[in-house]
């Protein structure tokens, strides 16, 4: 993260049957992201809006993974 902006959000999915996941960043809407070969990448060039932002990845069968990100102080 540079200047409180993510370049992208990426990760892996353990279930080979998963073809899409939903990504949520605090202050923004849910977005569908395609999974290819167990990996996903979501270009996200928007600034984080809150001091503490949550990133959530969710599969269609409602399995969640969350991450809390703390904004840099200037």
C-alpha atoms as a PDB file:
ATOM      1  CA  UNK A   1       0.000   0.000   0.000  1.00  0.00           C
ATOM      2  CA  UNK A   2       1.390   3.371  -0.989  1.00  0.00           C
ATOM      3  CA  UNK A   3      -0.206   6.719  -0.098  1.00  0.00           C
ATOM      4  CA  UNK A   4      -3.136   4.810   1.450  1.00  0.00           C
ATOM      5  CA  UNK A   5      -4.031   3.279  -1.934  1.00  0.00           C
ATOM      6  CA  UNK A   6      -3.967  -0.443  -2.682  1.00  0.00           C
ATOM      7  CA  UNK A   7      -2.514  -1.317  -6.062  1.00  0.00           C
ATOM      8  CA  UNK A   8      -4.386  -4.603  -6.118  1.00  0.00           C
ATOM      9  CA  UNK A   9      -5.874  -7.267  -3.882  1.00  0.00           C
ATOM     10  CA  UNK A  10      -4.823 -10.830  -4.626  1.00  0.00           C
ATOM     11  CA  UNK A  11      -4.875 -14.238  -3.028  1.00  0.00           C
ATOM     12  CA  UNK A  12      -5.438 -17.939  -3.432  1.00  0.00           C
ATOM     13  CA  UNK A  13      -8.477 -20.177  -3.095  1.00  0.00           C
ATOM     14  CA  UNK A  14      -8.024 -23.737  -1.828  1.00  0.00           C
ATOM     15  CA  UNK A  15     -11.165 -25.174  -3.452  1.00  0.00           C
ATOM     16  CA  UNK A  16     -10.555 -25.898  -7.171  1.00  0.00           C
ATOM     17  CA  UNK A  17     -14.310 -25.774  -7.888  1.00  0.00           C
ATOM     18  CA  UNK A  18     -14.515 -22.045  -7.018  1.00  0.00           C
ATOM     19  CA  UNK A  19     -14.631 -19.945 -10.185  1.00  0.00           C
ATOM     20  CA  UNK A  20     -15.648 -16.562  -8.692  1.00  0.00           C
ATOM     21  CA  UNK A  21     -15.420 -14.812  -5.347  1.00  0.00           C
ATOM     22  CA  UNK A  22     -16.776 -11.543  -3.997  1.00  0.00           C
ATOM     23  CA  UNK A  23     -14.396  -8.907  -2.620  1.00  0.00           C
ATOM     24  CA  UNK A  24     -15.446  -6.142  -0.219  1.00  0.00           C
ATOM     25  CA  UNK A  25     -13.378  -3.185   1.013  1.00  0.00           C
ATOM     26  CA  UNK A  26     -14.848  -0.957   3.758  1.00  0.00           C
ATOM     27  CA  UNK A  27     -16.584   2.023   2.202  1.00  0.00           C
ATOM     28  CA  UNK A  28     -16.994   0.389  -1.209  1.00  0.00           C
ATOM     29  CA  UNK A  29     -19.395  -2.159  -2.715  1.00  0.00           C
ATOM     30  CA  UNK A  30     -19.002  -5.917  -3.182  1.00  0.00           C
ATOM     31  CA  UNK A  31     -17.340  -6.848  -6.495  1.00  0.00           C
ATOM     32  CA  UNK A  32     -17.233 -10.226  -8.240  1.00  0.00           C
ATOM     33  CA  UNK A  33     -13.726 -11.381  -9.152  1.00  0.00           C
ATOM     34  CA  UNK A  34     -12.851 -14.383 -11.341  1.00  0.00           C
ATOM     35  CA  UNK A  35     -10.623 -17.129  -9.951  1.00  0.00           C
ATOM     36  CA  UNK A  36      -8.178 -18.768 -12.367  1.00  0.00           C
ATOM     37  CA  UNK A  37      -6.101 -21.772 -11.315  1.00  0.00           C
ATOM     38  CA  UNK A  38      -6.909 -21.107  -7.666  1.00  0.00           C
ATOM     39  CA  UNK A  39      -5.691 -17.476  -7.759  1.00  0.00           C
ATOM     40  CA  UNK A  40      -7.489 -14.159  -8.001  1.00  0.00           C
ATOM     41  CA  UNK A  41      -6.333 -10.591  -8.505  1.00  0.00           C
ATOM     42  CA  UNK A  42      -8.510  -7.511  -8.159  1.00  0.00           C
ATOM     43  CA  UNK A  43      -7.056  -4.159  -9.302  1.00  0.00           C
ATOM     44  CA  UNK A  44      -8.017  -1.641  -6.624  1.00  0.00           C
ATOM     45  CA  UNK A  45      -6.576   1.838  -7.112  1.00  0.00           C
ATOM     46  CA  UNK A  46      -8.950   3.707  -4.809  1.00  0.00           C
ATOM     47  CA  UNK A  47      -7.895   5.301  -1.502  1.00  0.00           C
ATOM     48  CA  UNK A  48      -8.993   3.635   1.704  1.00  0.00           C
ATOM     49  CA  UNK A  49     -11.674   5.761   3.360  1.00  0.00           C
ATOM     50  CA  UNK A  50     -11.368   4.817   7.011  1.00  0.00           C
ATOM     51  CA  UNK A  51      -8.596   4.596   9.578  1.00  0.00           C
ATOM     52  CA  UNK A  52      -9.267   0.863   9.857  1.00  0.00           C
ATOM     53  CA  UNK A  53     -10.592  -0.851   6.754  1.00  0.00           C
ATOM     54  CA  UNK A  54     -11.725  -4.423   6.387  1.00  0.00           C
ATOM     55  CA  UNK A  55     -11.129  -6.524   3.272  1.00  0.00           C
ATOM     56  CA  UNK A  56     -13.445  -9.516   2.920  1.00  0.00           C
ATOM     57  CA  UNK A  57     -13.268 -12.311   0.357  1.00  0.00           C
ATOM     58  CA  UNK A  58     -16.386 -14.499   0.120  1.00  0.00           C
ATOM     59  CA  UNK A  59     -17.173 -17.569  -1.974  1.00  0.00           C
ATOM     60  CA  UNK A  60     -20.637 -18.428  -3.290  1.00  0.00           C
ATOM     61  CA  UNK A  61     -21.102 -21.013  -0.513  1.00  0.00           C
ATOM     62  CA  UNK A  62     -20.568 -18.253   2.103  1.00  0.00           C
ATOM     63  CA  UNK A  63     -17.014 -19.092   3.195  1.00  0.00           C
ATOM     64  CA  UNK A  64     -15.339 -15.880   4.363  1.00  0.00           C
ATOM     65  CA  UNK A  65     -11.817 -14.631   4.855  1.00  0.00           C
ATOM     66  CA  UNK A  66     -11.194 -11.212   6.397  1.00  0.00           C
ATOM     67  CA  UNK A  67      -8.248  -8.869   6.858  1.00  0.00           C
ATOM     68  CA  UNK A  68      -8.104  -5.655   8.866  1.00  0.00           C
ATOM     69  CA  UNK A  69      -5.891  -2.917   7.378  1.00  0.00           C
ATOM     70  CA  UNK A  70      -4.810   0.135   9.380  1.00  0.00           C
ATOM     71  CA  UNK A  71      -4.281   3.396   7.494  1.00  0.00           C
ATOM     72  CA  UNK A  72      -0.855   5.047   7.671  1.00  0.00           C
ATOM     73  CA  UNK A  73      -0.593   8.214   9.745  1.00  0.00           C
ATOM     74  CA  UNK A  74       0.751  11.276   7.988  1.00  0.00           C
END
